[in-house]
């Protein structure tokens, strides 16, 4: 789920090279790190469970794409992939 203030219809997005599939413990998610193209806006982070399509969006933004990726990997280290996969209600960080 994308943040409501991110108007995708009127803006192109720049995706970080850190975006992409991430697998661990037999589960795979799509890590999406993006911002408006051609800006220095903060980066946003959404993780999508590839088996269900369920997104997990961070409410906070990040100064760098590396900080966004580190927030994702810290969540995986702390809670495992179960945070992002399965039939649990959507989580906002």
Protein backbone atom coordinates (compact mmCIF):
# COMPACT_ATOMS: atom_id res chain seq x y z
CA UNK A 1 0.00 0.00 0.00
CA UNK A 2 1.46 3.32 -1.06
CA UNK A 3 1.23 6.40 1.09
CA UNK A 4 -1.88 8.50 0.29
CA UNK A 5 0.15 11.64 -0.43
CA UNK A 6 2.18 9.88 -3.13
CA UNK A 7 0.32 10.81 -6.33
CA UNK A 8 1.65 8.19 -8.75
CA UNK A 9 -0.58 9.32 -11.63
CA UNK A 10 1.22 12.65 -11.99
CA UNK A 11 4.82 11.73 -11.15
CA UNK A 12 7.45 9.32 -12.36
CA UNK A 13 9.24 7.36 -9.68
CA UNK A 14 12.92 6.72 -9.21
CA UNK A 15 13.55 3.24 -7.83
CA UNK A 16 16.67 2.59 -5.81
CA UNK A 17 19.13 -0.02 -7.07
CA UNK A 18 18.62 -1.58 -3.62
CA UNK A 19 15.04 -2.46 -4.61
CA UNK A 20 14.30 -6.02 -5.66
CA UNK A 21 13.52 -9.49 -4.44
CA UNK A 22 14.74 -10.62 -1.03
CA UNK A 23 14.56 -14.26 0.10
CA UNK A 24 15.11 -15.86 3.47
CA UNK A 25 13.74 -18.94 5.22
CA UNK A 26 11.93 -20.06 2.08
CA UNK A 27 9.97 -16.81 1.79
CA UNK A 28 10.44 -14.09 -0.84
CA UNK A 29 9.35 -10.47 -0.76
CA UNK A 30 9.76 -7.55 -3.13
CA UNK A 31 11.54 -4.60 -1.51
CA UNK A 32 10.47 -1.32 -3.12
CA UNK A 33 12.53 1.78 -2.28
CA UNK A 34 11.49 4.82 -4.30
CA UNK A 35 10.98 8.59 -4.49
CA UNK A 36 9.77 11.10 -7.07
CA UNK A 37 12.13 11.07 -10.05
CA UNK A 38 14.41 14.07 -10.45
CA UNK A 39 14.00 15.22 -6.83
CA UNK A 40 15.92 15.00 -3.61
CA UNK A 41 12.74 13.98 -1.77
CA UNK A 42 13.07 11.37 0.97
CA UNK A 43 12.95 7.71 0.05
CA UNK A 44 9.90 5.56 0.83
CA UNK A 45 9.90 1.86 1.65
CA UNK A 46 7.26 -0.76 0.82
CA UNK A 47 7.73 -4.52 1.16
CA UNK A 48 5.35 -6.74 -0.84
CA UNK A 49 4.73 -10.41 0.01
CA UNK A 50 5.05 -12.08 -3.40
CA UNK A 51 2.78 -14.99 -2.44
CA UNK A 52 -0.20 -12.85 -1.35
CA UNK A 53 0.54 -9.44 -2.84
CA UNK A 54 0.09 -7.91 0.63
CA UNK A 55 2.14 -4.72 1.07
CA UNK A 56 3.79 -3.46 4.23
CA UNK A 57 4.52 0.27 4.02
CA UNK A 58 6.72 2.29 6.34
CA UNK A 59 5.04 5.53 7.45
CA UNK A 60 8.45 7.15 7.93
CA UNK A 61 10.65 8.30 5.06
CA UNK A 62 14.42 7.99 4.74
CA UNK A 63 17.16 10.45 3.79
CA UNK A 64 19.02 7.78 1.77
CA UNK A 65 17.99 4.60 0.03
CA UNK A 66 20.61 2.79 2.13
CA UNK A 67 18.84 3.89 5.33
CA UNK A 68 15.57 2.52 3.95
CA UNK A 69 17.19 -0.81 3.09
CA UNK A 70 18.79 -0.99 6.53
CA UNK A 71 15.37 -0.41 8.16
CA UNK A 72 14.04 -3.36 6.17
CA UNK A 73 16.94 -5.67 7.04
CA UNK A 74 16.79 -4.65 10.71
CA UNK A 75 13.11 -5.66 10.77
CA UNK A 76 13.98 -9.02 9.17
CA UNK A 77 16.76 -9.62 11.71
CA UNK A 78 14.51 -8.67 14.64
CA UNK A 79 11.27 -10.39 13.61
CA UNK A 80 12.02 -12.68 10.69
CA UNK A 81 10.16 -12.83 7.41
CA UNK A 82 6.85 -13.50 9.20
CA UNK A 83 6.52 -9.73 9.56
CA UNK A 84 5.91 -9.50 5.81
CA UNK A 85 4.39 -12.82 4.72
CA UNK A 86 1.29 -14.80 5.52
CA UNK A 87 -2.22 -13.77 6.40
CA UNK A 88 -1.39 -11.37 9.22
CA UNK A 89 -3.14 -7.99 9.05
CA UNK A 90 -1.16 -5.27 7.22
CA UNK A 91 1.51 -3.67 9.38
CA UNK A 92 2.68 -0.08 9.17
CA UNK A 93 6.12 0.78 10.54
